[in-house]
Amino acid sequence: MSKTLRDYHSAFITALKKKKKAASTLLAYGKDVEQLVEELETQRMTDPTQITQEHIELFAQNLKDKRYTDKSIVRKMNSMKAFFSYLHEEGVVEKNPVSSVERPKYENAAPRILTKVEYRALRDACRSDRRMSTIVEVLLQTGIRISELANLAVSDVDAGKRTILAKNSETHSERAIPLNNAALRAIQEYLTVRPKTREKTLFVTKTCKPFLVRNIRAAIDRYFRLAGITGAKVNDLRHTFIVEQLAAGTPLVYVSQLVGHRRITTTEKYLQFLNKNLDTSTIKIEEL
């Protein structure tokens, strides 16, 4: 009996796990391809060799009819392309039916840079929650990605060298990020109230389980609301760190290294936000 799309879907996820892809990637690819498989099954299409460009275009149109955003559709198309690329590499299909499908064009929304008043209000809102207060402080003071923060182990904190070791599960790379006084103090104070457990993860729940990315996002979103901050997301703490460092005169290359950008051009894009967020009221023009 020949294998079905659903069989290959499972094999695809297994192959991604062997490549040590991030959990977030596995989840996204898994859900996106599952959605395609389910829709094709309603059309009695279970043989991957029968799937054509027209089937993919119809699926994309159905997503649009269901009011999915262009960004979501493009992400799902990327997942499907990766799936059929896997099938092509395995010799299951002769060509990738997704490759020639036209994709929606969309512009990424500009990053939301928090003002000093806003991130101070956020600090105040979560001050009574030592764990969340520390998480917010580390995100603001280091520019670390939320996925990297969630993966931090207690052993990744080096108080002597005043660094934390950020590990990127996507690129399998790591970098030491310096801790300023505020970040180091916050971590040290959190460690005094952290539950006693053998769990190696730095940030844990009350039941001593790792504090997951989705739960960290939800908690910070709640504190954004309590602080009266609108239109902000967790990643905006990272954006704010980058802009603040550049505004303070920190070299572009160094900022790029601190935040783990693979291309310096990614960091350069933040330069356009400097004048918009620079408080000129306290600037004094020096006499020459």
Protein backbone atom coordinates (compact mmCIF):
# COMPACT_ATOMS: atom_id res chain seq x y z
CA MET A 1 0.00 0.00 0.00
CA SER A 2 1.47 3.36 -1.05
CA LYS A 3 2.07 6.08 1.51
CA THR A 4 -0.37 8.95 1.81
CA LEU A 5 0.16 12.66 2.33
CA ARG A 6 -0.55 12.15 6.03
CA ASP A 7 2.15 9.48 6.24
CA TYR A 8 4.66 11.82 4.65
CA HIS A 9 3.54 14.64 6.91
CA SER A 10 4.62 12.56 9.91
CA ALA A 11 7.89 11.63 8.20
CA PHE A 12 8.54 15.31 7.41
CA ILE A 13 8.19 16.33 11.06
CA THR A 14 10.45 13.45 12.10
CA ALA A 15 13.07 14.65 9.61
CA LEU A 16 12.87 18.19 11.03
CA LYS A 17 13.38 16.83 14.55
CA LYS A 18 16.51 15.00 13.40
CA LYS A 19 17.81 18.31 12.06
CA LYS A 20 17.20 19.74 15.56
CA LYS A 21 14.82 22.42 14.33
CA ALA A 22 13.35 24.68 17.01
CA ALA A 23 10.14 23.61 18.74
CA SER A 24 8.39 26.70 17.36
CA THR A 25 9.37 25.68 13.81
CA LEU A 26 8.10 22.13 14.34
CA LEU A 27 4.82 23.46 15.69
CA ALA A 28 4.28 25.96 12.86
CA TYR A 29 5.24 23.57 10.05
CA GLY A 30 3.23 20.79 11.64
CA LYS A 31 0.02 22.84 11.90
CA ASP A 32 0.37 24.45 8.47
CA VAL A 33 0.97 21.19 6.60
CA GLU A 34 -1.75 19.45 8.64
CA GLN A 35 -4.21 22.12 7.49
CA LEU A 36 -3.29 21.47 3.85
CA VAL A 37 -3.51 17.69 4.27
CA GLU A 38 -6.97 17.96 5.86
CA GLU A 39 -8.31 20.14 3.07
CA LEU A 40 -6.91 17.87 0.36
CA GLU A 41 -8.41 14.83 2.11
CA THR A 42 -11.87 16.41 1.78
CA GLN A 43 -11.20 16.33 -1.97
CA ARG A 44 -10.06 12.69 -1.71
CA MET A 45 -6.54 13.78 -2.61
CA THR A 46 -4.17 11.66 -0.54
CA ASP A 47 -1.50 10.79 -3.11
CA PRO A 48 1.32 13.40 -3.04
CA THR A 49 2.17 12.73 -6.69
CA GLN A 50 -1.27 14.00 -7.72
CA ILE A 51 -0.94 17.40 -6.04
CA THR A 52 -0.53 20.20 -8.58
CA GLN A 53 0.07 23.93 -8.52
CA GLU A 54 -3.69 24.43 -8.97
CA HIS A 55 -4.42 22.56 -5.72
CA ILE A 56 -2.04 24.85 -3.83
CA GLU A 57 -3.48 27.99 -5.44
CA LEU A 58 -7.00 26.89 -4.49
CA PHE A 59 -5.87 26.27 -0.91
CA ALA A 60 -4.29 29.75 -0.77
CA GLN A 61 -7.47 31.32 -2.14
CA ASN A 62 -9.54 29.51 0.49
CA LEU A 63 -7.29 30.96 3.18
CA LYS A 64 -7.86 34.43 1.76
CA ASP A 65 -11.63 33.84 1.70
CA LYS A 66 -11.43 32.89 5.38
CA ARG A 67 -9.81 36.30 6.03
CA TYR A 68 -6.34 35.05 6.86
CA THR A 69 -3.81 37.88 6.70
CA ASP A 70 -1.33 38.02 3.83
CA LYS A 71 1.46 37.44 6.34
CA SER A 72 -0.20 34.25 7.62
CA ILE A 73 -0.79 32.99 4.07
CA VAL A 74 2.86 33.57 3.13
CA ARG A 75 3.99 31.72 6.25
CA LYS A 76 1.77 28.75 5.41
CA MET A 77 3.06 28.78 1.83
CA ASN A 78 6.63 28.65 3.16
CA SER A 79 5.70 25.65 5.30
CA MET A 80 4.14 23.88 2.31
CA LYS A 81 7.14 24.66 0.13
CA ALA A 82 9.44 23.12 2.74
CA PHE A 83 7.19 20.04 2.91
CA PHE A 84 7.17 19.46 -0.85
CA SER A 85 10.90 20.19 -1.05
CA TYR A 86 11.33 17.33 1.41
CA LEU A 87 9.16 15.09 -0.78
CA HIS A 88 11.21 16.09 -3.83
CA GLU A 89 14.48 15.28 -2.04
CA GLU A 90 13.03 11.91 -1.05
CA GLY A 91 12.13 11.20 -4.67
CA VAL A 92 8.40 11.12 -3.96
CA VAL A 93 7.44 13.98 -6.31
CA GLU A 94 9.14 15.15 -9.50
CA LYS A 95 8.75 18.85 -8.78
CA ASN A 96 7.58 21.16 -6.04
CA PRO A 97 4.01 22.35 -6.80
CA VAL A 98 4.42 25.34 -4.48
CA SER A 99 7.47 26.86 -6.19
CA SER A 100 5.59 28.71 -8.94
CA VAL A 101 2.60 29.82 -6.87
CA GLU A 102 2.36 33.61 -6.62
CA ARG A 103 2.38 34.82 -3.04
CA PRO A 104 0.70 37.84 -1.49
CA LYS A 105 2.91 40.86 -1.00
CA TYR A 106 2.89 42.55 2.36
CA GLU A 107 4.99 45.03 4.30
CA ASN A 108 6.29 44.21 7.74
CA ALA A 109 4.88 46.55 10.35
CA ALA A 110 7.41 49.01 11.73
CA PRO A 111 8.74 47.99 15.15
CA ARG A 112 7.10 49.64 18.14
CA ILE A 113 9.76 51.50 20.13
CA LEU A 114 8.74 52.05 23.74
CA THR A 115 9.32 55.46 25.29
CA LYS A 116 11.11 55.79 28.62
CA VAL A 117 7.77 56.58 30.25
CA GLU A 118 6.28 53.37 28.81
CA TYR A 119 8.99 50.93 29.80
CA ARG A 120 9.20 52.50 33.26
CA ALA A 121 5.44 52.02 33.57
CA LEU A 122 5.88 48.38 32.53
CA ARG A 123 8.49 47.92 35.24
CA ASP A 124 6.15 49.42 37.81
CA ALA A 125 3.26 47.20 36.69
CA CYS A 126 5.17 43.95 37.29
CA ARG A 127 7.32 45.07 40.23
CA SER A 128 5.48 42.82 42.72
CA ASP A 129 6.08 39.74 40.53
CA ARG A 130 9.78 38.99 41.00
CA ARG A 131 9.99 36.46 38.16
CA MET A 132 8.22 38.66 35.59
CA SER A 133 10.04 41.74 36.81
CA THR A 134 13.33 39.95 36.15
CA ILE A 135 12.21 38.72 32.73
CA VAL A 136 11.19 42.24 31.66
CA GLU A 137 14.48 43.66 32.97
CA VAL A 138 16.59 41.06 31.14
CA LEU A 139 14.67 41.57 27.88
CA LEU A 140 15.03 45.35 28.12
CA GLN A 141 18.66 45.41 29.24
CA THR A 142 20.09 42.75 26.89
CA GLY A 143 17.93 42.63 23.75
CA ILE A 144 17.82 38.83 24.05
CA ARG A 145 15.17 37.01 21.99
CA ILE A 146 12.25 35.66 23.99
CA SER A 147 13.01 32.11 22.77
CA GLU A 148 16.62 32.48 23.97
CA LEU A 149 15.44 33.82 27.32
CA ALA A 150 13.06 30.88 27.79
CA ASN A 151 15.96 28.49 27.06
CA LEU A 152 18.35 30.07 29.57
CA ALA A 153 19.70 27.66 32.16
CA VAL A 154 20.85 28.70 35.63
CA SER A 155 24.37 27.70 34.54
CA ASP A 156 24.18 30.18 31.63
CA VAL A 157 24.40 33.04 34.13
CA ASP A 158 28.01 33.95 34.93
CA ALA A 159 27.92 36.52 37.72
CA GLY A 160 31.72 36.71 37.79
CA LYS A 161 32.02 37.63 34.12
CA ARG A 162 28.68 39.47 34.27
CA THR A 163 27.28 37.65 31.23
CA ILE A 164 24.49 35.34 30.16
CA LEU A 165 24.95 32.73 27.46
CA ALA A 166 22.19 32.99 24.83
CA LYS A 167 21.63 29.88 22.70
CA ASN A 168 19.83 30.12 19.38
CA SER A 169 18.10 26.83 18.60
CA GLU A 170 17.47 27.87 14.98
CA THR A 171 21.11 28.53 14.05
CA HIS A 172 22.62 26.30 16.77
CA SER A 173 24.83 29.22 17.76
CA GLU A 174 25.50 30.89 21.08
CA ARG A 175 26.80 34.24 22.26
CA ALA A 176 27.75 35.79 25.58
CA ILE A 177 25.70 38.90 26.37
CA PRO A 178 27.06 41.35 28.97
CA LEU A 179 24.86 42.16 31.94
CA ASN A 180 24.67 45.69 33.26
CA ASN A 181 24.04 46.39 36.94
CA ALA A 182 20.24 46.43 36.60
CA ALA A 183 20.05 43.10 34.76
CA LEU A 184 22.54 41.32 37.02
CA ARG A 185 20.85 42.61 40.17
CA ALA A 186 17.43 41.50 38.90
CA ILE A 187 18.68 37.96 38.17
CA GLN A 188 20.43 37.66 41.52
CA GLU A 189 17.31 38.81 43.38
CA TYR A 190 15.15 36.38 41.39
CA LEU A 191 17.46 33.48 42.25
CA THR A 192 16.78 34.10 45.96
CA VAL A 193 13.06 33.42 45.46
CA ARG A 194 13.26 30.89 42.61
CA PRO A 195 11.69 27.54 43.63
CA LYS A 196 14.21 24.98 44.85
CA THR A 197 14.32 22.41 42.08
CA ARG A 198 16.63 20.26 40.00
CA GLU A 199 15.17 21.84 36.86
CA LYS A 200 18.06 23.51 35.03
CA THR A 201 15.95 26.15 33.27
CA LEU A 202 16.43 29.59 34.82
CA PHE A 203 12.82 30.75 34.67
CA VAL A 204 10.39 28.18 36.04
CA THR A 205 6.74 28.02 37.08
CA LYS A 206 5.48 27.54 40.63
CA THR A 207 5.34 23.81 39.88
CA CYS A 208 9.01 23.88 38.85
CA LYS A 209 8.35 23.39 35.14
CA PRO A 210 10.12 25.47 32.45
CA PHE A 211 8.35 28.78 31.83
CA LEU A 212 7.33 28.39 28.16
CA VAL A 213 7.57 31.10 25.50
CA ARG A 214 3.80 31.28 24.97
CA ASN A 215 3.22 31.74 28.70
CA ILE A 216 5.90 34.42 28.93
CA ARG A 217 4.23 36.26 26.04
CA ALA A 218 0.83 36.03 27.69
CA ALA A 219 2.19 37.30 31.01
CA ILE A 220 3.96 40.28 29.44
CA ASP A 221 0.89 41.12 27.35
CA ARG A 222 -1.09 41.21 30.59
CA TYR A 223 1.40 43.61 32.17
CA PHE A 224 1.35 45.79 29.05
CA ARG A 225 -2.40 46.16 29.61
CA LEU A 226 -1.96 46.87 33.32
CA ALA A 227 0.62 49.55 32.46
CA GLY A 228 -1.77 51.13 29.96
CA ILE A 229 0.58 50.46 27.04
CA THR A 230 -1.26 49.84 23.76
CA GLY A 231 -0.07 48.34 20.49
CA ALA A 232 3.05 46.77 22.03
CA LYS A 233 4.30 43.19 21.88
CA VAL A 234 7.05 41.28 23.64
CA ASN A 235 9.48 41.66 20.72
CA ASP A 236 9.19 45.44 21.06
CA LEU A 237 11.35 45.21 24.19
CA ARG A 238 14.13 43.90 21.94
CA HIS A 239 13.45 46.62 19.37
CA THR A 240 13.62 49.23 22.11
CA PHE A 241 16.96 47.91 23.37
CA ILE A 242 18.48 48.13 19.89
CA VAL A 243 17.30 51.69 19.25
CA GLU A 244 18.35 52.88 22.72
CA GLN A 245 21.84 51.42 22.27
CA LEU A 246 22.28 53.00 18.84
CA ALA A 247 20.98 56.34 20.15
CA ALA A 248 23.55 56.16 22.96
CA GLY A 249 26.33 55.84 20.38
CA THR A 250 27.06 52.14 20.76
CA PRO A 251 28.81 51.01 17.54
CA LEU A 252 26.49 49.41 15.00
CA VAL A 253 28.64 46.29 14.62
CA TYR A 254 28.71 45.74 18.38
CA VAL A 255 24.93 46.13 18.72
CA SER A 256 24.50 43.64 15.87
CA GLN A 257 26.69 41.14 17.72
CA LEU A 258 24.89 41.73 21.03
CA VAL A 259 21.46 40.90 19.62
CA GLY A 260 22.64 38.06 17.36
CA HIS A 261 21.74 39.51 13.98
CA ARG A 262 23.21 37.38 11.20
CA ARG A 263 23.41 40.40 8.88
CA ILE A 264 24.45 43.88 9.91
CA THR A 265 21.91 45.25 7.42
CA THR A 266 19.20 44.00 9.79
CA THR A 267 20.61 46.24 12.52
CA GLU A 268 21.04 49.16 10.12
CA LYS A 269 17.28 49.27 9.55
CA TYR A 270 16.85 50.53 13.11
CA LEU A 271 18.81 53.71 12.38
CA GLN A 272 15.72 55.25 10.79
CA PHE A 273 13.99 55.25 14.19
CA LEU A 274 16.65 57.20 16.06
CA ASN A 275 15.46 60.74 15.36
CA LYS A 276 11.83 59.77 15.96
CA ASN A 277 12.59 58.52 19.46
CA LEU A 278 15.40 60.84 20.49
CA ASP A 279 14.50 63.21 23.32
CA THR A 280 16.05 66.50 22.13
CA SER A 281 14.84 68.56 25.09
CA THR A 282 17.92 67.78 27.18
CA ILE A 283 20.50 67.93 24.39
CA LYS A 284 23.03 70.75 24.61
CA ILE A 285 25.05 71.79 21.56
CA GLU A 286 28.66 72.05 22.67
CA GLU A 287 30.67 75.16 21.78
CA LEU A 288 33.62 74.49 19.50
